[in-house]
Every structure is written in structure tokens, then in C-alpha cells.
Amino acid sequence: MNTVTVTPLTTADAETLVAAARAAADAAGVPVSVTVLDAGGHLLAFRRDDRAVLISGETSTRKAYTALQLNAPTAELVGLVKPDGPFHSLPTALDRPLLFIAGGVPVHRDGRLVGAIGVGGGAPEQDHGFATAALEELSR
């Protein structure tokens, strides 16, 4: 039996993700919060810009958690929780609520889920862009 060992997301990786997301947000003039979770959903890194709205800390964390749990960018899940969507009741069905707003993106390494990043504070499309820019930086 072949086993594949995948290097987990490290604190250094998480710091790279946070710095890259914040750099993208700074370039756009948008104050944000950034959360990075490992594959188990544990906090690896968090940073809130001094000017970011307070709720952005919570939204960035919930976006990361949602992307991790469903192994999909939250931007792709928004339509699933509409009143006629298949996940309509999912946001309130769990002890830890999910957040279906763009800005959460899973992190993969060698095809395996190793964590997630969430960005909050900008418009949803901006947050998604900042998170994906961070992933691009990590993959370099």
C-alpha cells in the first residue's frame, strides 16, 4: 500500500498567507482581517488591520472555517444557501455557524487539503481576490 505524506501547513506558511493577503488589501486601500486555519480547523495565524471593522475578525475566521469544512471557496457556495438552495439550512444547523460570503479559500498541498484562509473587511469579491492572491504567493 502506498502512503503519501503531505507536509502540513506551517506557521511560516500561515504568516506568508497573512502577509500576502494584507499586501494585496493594502495595495487596494482596503483594511482587512485575515485568518489562517490548519487542516483540523485550528488557528495558525490571525491579523486585523487597525482600521478594519471589528466584525471582520469574526467574518474572516468563519469564512476560513467554511472553506475548510466544505473544501471549496466560499465564493462558489453563496448560491447554495439561498432559500431554494440545497444548503439553505446549513448556516444555522451546526454548533459553529458557517459563513457563505466570498473571502474563504481552502489551501491544498500536493492535492490534499491542508488548511484555509479567510479574509474579511472588504467587499466579498475583494476579500476573495485578496485570499487567492495569498494562495498564489504561497505556491511560489
N, C-alpha and C. Protein backbone atom coordinates (compact mmCIF):
# COMPACT_ATOMS: atom_id res chain seq x y z
N MET A 1 0.84 -1.19 0.00
CA MET A 1 0.00 0.00 0.00
C MET A 1 0.88 1.25 0.00
N ASN A 2 0.62 2.14 -0.91
CA ASN A 2 1.38 3.37 -0.98
C ASN A 2 0.75 4.42 -0.09
N THR A 3 1.58 5.06 0.70
CA THR A 3 1.09 6.17 1.51
C THR A 3 1.77 7.43 1.03
N VAL A 4 1.00 8.50 1.01
CA VAL A 4 1.52 9.79 0.59
C VAL A 4 1.59 10.68 1.81
N THR A 5 2.77 11.19 2.06
CA THR A 5 2.94 12.11 3.17
C THR A 5 2.86 13.53 2.63
N VAL A 6 1.96 14.29 3.17
CA VAL A 6 1.80 15.67 2.76
C VAL A 6 2.24 16.56 3.92
N THR A 7 3.10 17.50 3.60
CA THR A 7 3.57 18.42 4.63
C THR A 7 2.42 19.30 5.07
N PRO A 8 2.15 19.35 6.37
CA PRO A 8 1.05 20.19 6.84
C PRO A 8 1.37 21.68 6.67
N LEU A 9 0.35 22.47 6.76
CA LEU A 9 0.51 23.92 6.72
C LEU A 9 1.25 24.34 7.99
N THR A 10 2.33 25.10 7.83
CA THR A 10 3.15 25.51 8.97
C THR A 10 2.81 26.94 9.39
N THR A 11 3.33 27.32 10.52
CA THR A 11 3.18 28.70 10.98
C THR A 11 3.83 29.65 9.99
N ALA A 12 4.98 29.26 9.45
CA ALA A 12 5.64 30.10 8.44
C ALA A 12 4.76 30.25 7.20
N ASP A 13 4.11 29.16 6.77
CA ASP A 13 3.17 29.24 5.64
C ASP A 13 2.04 30.20 5.97
N ALA A 14 1.52 30.09 7.18
CA ALA A 14 0.40 30.94 7.59
C ALA A 14 0.81 32.41 7.60
N GLU A 15 2.01 32.68 8.06
CA GLU A 15 2.49 34.06 8.07
C GLU A 15 2.67 34.59 6.65
N THR A 16 3.11 33.73 5.73
CA THR A 16 3.23 34.12 4.33
C THR A 16 1.85 34.46 3.77
N LEU A 17 0.86 33.63 4.07
CA LEU A 17 -0.51 33.88 3.60
C LEU A 17 -1.06 35.20 4.15
N VAL A 18 -0.87 35.43 5.43
CA VAL A 18 -1.36 36.66 6.05
C VAL A 18 -0.68 37.87 5.42
N ALA A 19 0.64 37.82 5.29
CA ALA A 19 1.37 38.96 4.73
C ALA A 19 0.95 39.23 3.28
N ALA A 20 0.77 38.19 2.49
CA ALA A 20 0.40 38.36 1.09
C ALA A 20 -1.02 38.90 0.95
N ALA A 21 -1.94 38.40 1.76
CA ALA A 21 -3.32 38.89 1.70
C ALA A 21 -3.37 40.36 2.13
N ARG A 22 -2.64 40.69 3.17
CA ARG A 22 -2.62 42.07 3.64
C ARG A 22 -1.96 42.99 2.63
N ALA A 23 -0.91 42.51 1.95
CA ALA A 23 -0.26 43.33 0.93
C ALA A 23 -1.22 43.63 -0.22
N ALA A 24 -1.97 42.63 -0.63
CA ALA A 24 -2.96 42.82 -1.70
C ALA A 24 -4.04 43.80 -1.25
N ALA A 25 -4.50 43.65 -0.02
CA ALA A 25 -5.52 44.55 0.51
C ALA A 25 -4.97 45.97 0.67
N ASP A 26 -3.74 46.10 1.16
CA ASP A 26 -3.13 47.42 1.31
C ASP A 26 -3.01 48.12 -0.05
N ALA A 27 -2.63 47.36 -1.07
CA ALA A 27 -2.49 47.93 -2.41
C ALA A 27 -3.82 48.46 -2.93
N ALA A 28 -4.91 47.85 -2.47
CA ALA A 28 -6.25 48.29 -2.88
C ALA A 28 -6.83 49.33 -1.91
N GLY A 29 -6.09 49.62 -0.83
CA GLY A 29 -6.57 50.58 0.15
C GLY A 29 -7.70 50.06 1.02
N VAL A 30 -7.73 48.74 1.24
CA VAL A 30 -8.82 48.13 1.99
C VAL A 30 -8.28 47.53 3.30
N PRO A 31 -8.72 48.00 4.46
CA PRO A 31 -8.29 47.41 5.72
C PRO A 31 -9.04 46.09 5.96
N VAL A 32 -8.31 45.03 6.28
CA VAL A 32 -8.91 43.71 6.42
C VAL A 32 -8.42 42.97 7.65
N SER A 33 -9.12 41.89 7.93
CA SER A 33 -8.67 40.87 8.87
C SER A 33 -8.40 39.62 8.06
N VAL A 34 -7.38 38.86 8.47
CA VAL A 34 -7.01 37.64 7.78
C VAL A 34 -6.85 36.53 8.81
N THR A 35 -7.46 35.38 8.53
CA THR A 35 -7.38 34.21 9.40
C THR A 35 -6.85 33.04 8.59
N VAL A 36 -5.93 32.27 9.19
CA VAL A 36 -5.44 31.05 8.56
C VAL A 36 -5.65 29.91 9.55
N LEU A 37 -6.31 28.84 9.07
CA LEU A 37 -6.56 27.65 9.88
C LEU A 37 -5.80 26.47 9.31
N ASP A 38 -5.41 25.53 10.17
CA ASP A 38 -4.79 24.30 9.68
C ASP A 38 -5.87 23.31 9.29
N ALA A 39 -5.48 22.12 8.86
CA ALA A 39 -6.44 21.13 8.36
C ALA A 39 -7.45 20.69 9.42
N GLY A 40 -7.10 20.82 10.68
CA GLY A 40 -8.01 20.45 11.76
C GLY A 40 -8.91 21.59 12.20
N GLY A 41 -8.78 22.75 11.55
CA GLY A 41 -9.60 23.90 11.91
C GLY A 41 -9.03 24.73 13.04
N HIS A 42 -7.77 24.48 13.39
CA HIS A 42 -7.12 25.22 14.48
C HIS A 42 -6.46 26.48 13.93
N LEU A 43 -6.52 27.53 14.71
CA LEU A 43 -5.95 28.81 14.31
C LEU A 43 -4.44 28.74 14.21
N LEU A 44 -3.91 29.10 13.04
CA LEU A 44 -2.46 29.19 12.83
C LEU A 44 -2.00 30.64 12.84
N ALA A 45 -2.81 31.53 12.29
CA ALA A 45 -2.45 32.94 12.25
C ALA A 45 -3.70 33.79 12.11
N PHE A 46 -3.63 34.99 12.69
CA PHE A 46 -4.72 35.95 12.58
C PHE A 46 -4.11 37.34 12.66
N ARG A 47 -4.64 38.23 11.83
CA ARG A 47 -4.20 39.62 11.89
C ARG A 47 -5.34 40.52 11.46
N ARG A 48 -5.64 41.52 12.28
CA ARG A 48 -6.65 42.52 11.92
C ARG A 48 -5.98 43.86 11.79
N ASP A 49 -6.16 44.50 10.64
CA ASP A 49 -5.65 45.84 10.42
C ASP A 49 -6.30 46.77 11.44
N ASP A 50 -5.54 47.73 11.93
CA ASP A 50 -6.08 48.67 12.93
C ASP A 50 -7.34 49.37 12.46
N ARG A 51 -7.47 49.58 11.17
CA ARG A 51 -8.61 50.32 10.62
C ARG A 51 -9.75 49.42 10.17
N ALA A 52 -9.56 48.12 10.24
CA ALA A 52 -10.61 47.19 9.78
C ALA A 52 -11.79 47.21 10.74
N VAL A 53 -12.98 47.04 10.19
CA VAL A 53 -14.16 46.99 11.06
C VAL A 53 -14.03 45.78 11.99
N LEU A 54 -14.50 45.92 13.19
CA LEU A 54 -14.31 44.87 14.19
C LEU A 54 -14.88 43.53 13.78
N ILE A 55 -16.04 43.53 13.14
CA ILE A 55 -16.67 42.26 12.75
C ILE A 55 -15.85 41.49 11.72
N SER A 56 -14.92 42.16 11.05
CA SER A 56 -14.11 41.48 10.04
C SER A 56 -13.27 40.36 10.64
N GLY A 57 -12.93 40.47 11.90
CA GLY A 57 -12.19 39.38 12.56
C GLY A 57 -13.02 38.11 12.62
N GLU A 58 -14.27 38.27 12.97
CA GLU A 58 -15.17 37.12 13.03
C GLU A 58 -15.49 36.59 11.65
N THR A 59 -15.74 37.49 10.70
CA THR A 59 -16.10 37.02 9.37
C THR A 59 -14.92 36.33 8.69
N SER A 60 -13.70 36.83 8.87
CA SER A 60 -12.56 36.17 8.25
C SER A 60 -12.38 34.76 8.80
N THR A 61 -12.61 34.59 10.09
CA THR A 61 -12.46 33.27 10.71
C THR A 61 -13.54 32.32 10.24
N ARG A 62 -14.77 32.79 10.16
CA ARG A 62 -15.86 31.92 9.72
C ARG A 62 -15.76 31.60 8.23
N LYS A 63 -15.27 32.52 7.43
CA LYS A 63 -15.05 32.22 6.02
C LYS A 63 -14.00 31.13 5.86
N ALA A 64 -12.90 31.25 6.62
CA ALA A 64 -11.85 30.21 6.56
C ALA A 64 -12.42 28.87 7.00
N TYR A 65 -13.18 28.85 8.07
CA TYR A 65 -13.76 27.61 8.59
C TYR A 65 -14.71 26.98 7.58
N THR A 66 -15.52 27.79 6.93
CA THR A 66 -16.47 27.29 5.93
C THR A 66 -15.73 26.70 4.74
N ALA A 67 -14.72 27.41 4.25
CA ALA A 67 -13.92 26.91 3.12
C ALA A 67 -13.24 25.59 3.48
N LEU A 68 -12.77 25.49 4.71
CA LEU A 68 -12.11 24.27 5.16
C LEU A 68 -13.11 23.11 5.26
N GLN A 69 -14.23 23.33 5.91
CA GLN A 69 -15.19 22.26 6.14
C GLN A 69 -15.81 21.73 4.84
N LEU A 70 -16.01 22.62 3.87
CA LEU A 70 -16.64 22.21 2.61
C LEU A 70 -15.62 22.05 1.48
N ASN A 71 -14.34 22.31 1.79
CA ASN A 71 -13.25 22.16 0.83
C ASN A 71 -13.57 22.85 -0.49
N ALA A 72 -14.03 24.10 -0.36
CA ALA A 72 -14.40 24.88 -1.54
C ALA A 72 -14.31 26.36 -1.20
N PRO A 73 -13.99 27.19 -2.18
CA PRO A 73 -14.03 28.64 -1.94
C PRO A 73 -15.45 29.07 -1.58
N THR A 74 -15.57 29.92 -0.59
CA THR A 74 -16.90 30.37 -0.18
C THR A 74 -17.59 31.13 -1.31
N ALA A 75 -16.82 31.74 -2.21
CA ALA A 75 -17.43 32.45 -3.35
C ALA A 75 -18.25 31.50 -4.22
N GLU A 76 -17.88 30.23 -4.25
CA GLU A 76 -18.60 29.23 -5.06
C GLU A 76 -19.80 28.64 -4.34
N LEU A 77 -19.96 28.96 -3.07
CA LEU A 77 -21.01 28.34 -2.26
C LEU A 77 -22.19 29.26 -1.97
N VAL A 78 -22.05 30.53 -2.29
CA VAL A 78 -23.06 31.53 -1.92
C VAL A 78 -24.46 31.14 -2.39
N GLY A 79 -24.59 30.69 -3.62
CA GLY A 79 -25.90 30.34 -4.16
C GLY A 79 -26.54 29.12 -3.51
N LEU A 80 -25.75 28.29 -2.86
CA LEU A 80 -26.27 27.05 -2.27
C LEU A 80 -27.11 27.28 -1.02
N VAL A 81 -26.98 28.48 -0.40
CA VAL A 81 -27.73 28.74 0.83
C VAL A 81 -28.92 29.67 0.63
N LYS A 82 -29.21 29.98 -0.62
CA LYS A 82 -30.41 30.78 -0.90
C LYS A 82 -31.64 29.96 -0.50
N PRO A 83 -32.78 30.60 -0.32
CA PRO A 83 -33.97 29.87 0.15
C PRO A 83 -34.30 28.59 -0.61
N ASP A 84 -34.01 28.53 -1.90
CA ASP A 84 -34.31 27.32 -2.65
C ASP A 84 -33.07 26.44 -2.86
N GLY A 85 -31.96 26.78 -2.22
CA GLY A 85 -30.71 26.05 -2.40
C GLY A 85 -30.62 24.81 -1.54
N PRO A 86 -29.77 23.85 -1.94
CA PRO A 86 -29.65 22.60 -1.19
C PRO A 86 -29.03 22.75 0.19
N PHE A 87 -28.31 23.83 0.45
CA PHE A 87 -27.69 24.05 1.76
C PHE A 87 -28.42 25.13 2.56
N HIS A 88 -29.67 25.40 2.22
CA HIS A 88 -30.42 26.50 2.83
C HIS A 88 -30.32 26.53 4.35
N SER A 89 -30.44 25.40 5.01
CA SER A 89 -30.44 25.38 6.48
C SER A 89 -29.05 25.16 7.08
N LEU A 90 -28.05 24.92 6.26
CA LEU A 90 -26.72 24.61 6.76
C LEU A 90 -26.08 25.72 7.60
N PRO A 91 -26.24 27.00 7.28
CA PRO A 91 -25.57 28.02 8.09
C PRO A 91 -25.96 28.00 9.56
N THR A 92 -27.13 27.53 9.90
CA THR A 92 -27.56 27.52 11.30
C THR A 92 -27.69 26.11 11.88
N ALA A 93 -27.31 25.09 11.12
CA ALA A 93 -27.51 23.71 11.55
C ALA A 93 -26.39 23.19 12.46
N LEU A 94 -25.28 23.88 12.51
CA LEU A 94 -24.12 23.40 13.25
C LEU A 94 -23.85 24.24 14.49
N ASP A 95 -23.08 23.69 15.42
CA ASP A 95 -22.70 24.45 16.61
C ASP A 95 -21.87 25.67 16.25
N ARG A 96 -21.01 25.50 15.26
CA ARG A 96 -20.17 26.61 14.81
C ARG A 96 -20.68 27.02 13.44
N PRO A 97 -21.40 28.14 13.37
CA PRO A 97 -22.03 28.53 12.11
C PRO A 97 -21.03 28.76 10.98
N LEU A 98 -21.46 28.39 9.80
CA LEU A 98 -20.69 28.61 8.58
C LEU A 98 -21.07 29.99 8.04
N LEU A 99 -20.21 30.54 7.20
CA LEU A 99 -20.49 31.84 6.61
C LEU A 99 -20.29 31.76 5.10
N PHE A 100 -21.37 31.91 4.38
CA PHE A 100 -21.35 31.77 2.93
C PHE A 100 -21.24 33.13 2.24
N ILE A 101 -20.10 33.78 2.46
CA ILE A 101 -19.77 35.05 1.83
C ILE A 101 -18.37 34.89 1.25
N ALA A 102 -18.16 35.37 0.03
CA ALA A 102 -16.86 35.24 -0.61
C ALA A 102 -15.74 35.79 0.27
N GLY A 103 -14.60 35.10 0.24
CA GLY A 103 -13.43 35.53 1.02
C GLY A 103 -12.74 34.38 1.73
N GLY A 104 -13.34 33.18 1.70
CA GLY A 104 -12.72 32.00 2.29
C GLY A 104 -12.26 31.06 1.19
N VAL A 105 -11.02 30.55 1.30
CA VAL A 105 -10.47 29.69 0.26
C VAL A 105 -9.68 28.55 0.92
N PRO A 106 -9.93 27.31 0.51
CA PRO A 106 -9.14 26.20 1.05
C PRO A 106 -7.70 26.25 0.54
N VAL A 107 -6.79 25.70 1.32
CA VAL A 107 -5.38 25.63 0.94
C VAL A 107 -5.05 24.16 0.71
N HIS A 108 -4.52 23.86 -0.47
CA HIS A 108 -4.15 22.49 -0.82
C HIS A 108 -2.64 22.38 -1.02
N ARG A 109 -2.12 21.23 -0.71
CA ARG A 109 -0.71 20.92 -0.98
C ARG A 109 -0.67 19.50 -1.51
N ASP A 110 -0.07 19.33 -2.67
CA ASP A 110 0.00 18.01 -3.31
C ASP A 110 -1.38 17.38 -3.45
N GLY A 111 -2.37 18.22 -3.75
CA GLY A 111 -3.73 17.75 -3.96
C GLY A 111 -4.51 17.45 -2.70
N ARG A 112 -3.93 17.72 -1.54
CA ARG A 112 -4.60 17.44 -0.26
C ARG A 112 -4.94 18.74 0.46
N LEU A 113 -6.06 18.73 1.15
CA LEU A 113 -6.49 19.87 1.94
C LEU A 113 -5.61 20.00 3.18
N VAL A 114 -4.93 21.13 3.34
CA VAL A 114 -4.05 21.32 4.49
C VAL A 114 -4.46 22.50 5.36
N GLY A 115 -5.48 23.25 4.93
CA GLY A 115 -5.92 24.39 5.73
C GLY A 115 -6.81 25.30 4.91
N ALA A 116 -6.99 26.52 5.41
CA ALA A 116 -7.82 27.50 4.72
C ALA A 116 -7.44 28.90 5.17
N ILE A 117 -7.73 29.85 4.29
CA ILE A 117 -7.55 31.26 4.59
C ILE A 117 -8.88 31.96 4.45
N GLY A 118 -9.12 32.91 5.33
CA GLY A 118 -10.32 33.74 5.24
C GLY A 118 -9.93 35.20 5.35
N VAL A 119 -10.56 36.03 4.53
CA VAL A 119 -10.31 37.47 4.55
C VAL A 119 -11.65 38.17 4.71
N GLY A 120 -11.69 39.16 5.59
CA GLY A 120 -12.90 39.94 5.81
C GLY A 120 -12.55 41.41 5.94
N GLY A 121 -13.47 42.26 5.53
CA GLY A 121 -13.27 43.69 5.69
C GLY A 121 -13.56 44.48 4.43
N GLY A 122 -13.37 43.85 3.28
CA GLY A 122 -13.67 44.49 2.01
C GLY A 122 -14.99 43.98 1.47
N ALA A 123 -15.29 44.36 0.24
CA ALA A 123 -16.44 43.77 -0.44
C ALA A 123 -16.12 42.29 -0.65
N PRO A 124 -17.13 41.42 -0.68
CA PRO A 124 -16.85 39.99 -0.82
C PRO A 124 -15.92 39.64 -1.98
N GLU A 125 -16.12 40.27 -3.13
CA GLU A 125 -15.26 39.97 -4.28
C GLU A 125 -13.82 40.39 -4.01
N GLN A 126 -13.64 41.51 -3.30
CA GLN A 126 -12.29 41.96 -2.93
C GLN A 126 -11.65 40.95 -1.99
N ASP A 127 -12.38 40.54 -0.97
CA ASP A 127 -11.84 39.59 0.01
C ASP A 127 -11.41 38.30 -0.69
N HIS A 128 -12.22 37.82 -1.62
CA HIS A 128 -11.87 36.61 -2.37
C HIS A 128 -10.57 36.84 -3.15
N GLY A 129 -10.46 37.99 -3.78
CA GLY A 129 -9.25 38.31 -4.53
C GLY A 129 -8.02 38.38 -3.65
N PHE A 130 -8.15 38.94 -2.47
CA PHE A 130 -7.01 39.03 -1.54
C PHE A 130 -6.59 37.63 -1.08
N ALA A 131 -7.58 36.77 -0.82
CA ALA A 131 -7.27 35.40 -0.38
C ALA A 131 -6.59 34.60 -1.50
N THR A 132 -7.08 34.74 -2.72
CA THR A 132 -6.47 33.99 -3.82
C THR A 132 -5.08 34.54 -4.15
N ALA A 133 -4.87 35.84 -3.98
CA ALA A 133 -3.53 36.41 -4.17
C ALA A 133 -2.56 35.81 -3.14
N ALA A 134 -3.03 35.60 -1.93
CA ALA A 134 -2.20 34.98 -0.90
C ALA A 134 -1.83 33.55 -1.27
N LEU A 135 -2.79 32.80 -1.81
CA LEU A 135 -2.50 31.43 -2.24
C LEU A 135 -1.46 31.40 -3.35
N GLU A 136 -1.57 32.34 -4.26
CA GLU A 136 -0.59 32.41 -5.35
C GLU A 136 0.80 32.67 -4.80
N GLU A 137 0.89 33.53 -3.81
CA GLU A 137 2.19 33.82 -3.20
C GLU A 137 2.76 32.59 -2.50
N LEU A 138 1.90 31.86 -1.82
CA LEU A 138 2.36 30.65 -1.11
C LEU A 138 2.87 29.60 -2.08
N SER A 139 2.28 29.53 -3.26
CA SER A 139 2.66 28.49 -4.21
C SER A 139 3.95 28.81 -4.97
N ARG A 140 4.50 29.99 -4.76
CA ARG A 140 5.76 30.37 -5.43
C ARG A 140 6.95 29.70 -4.80
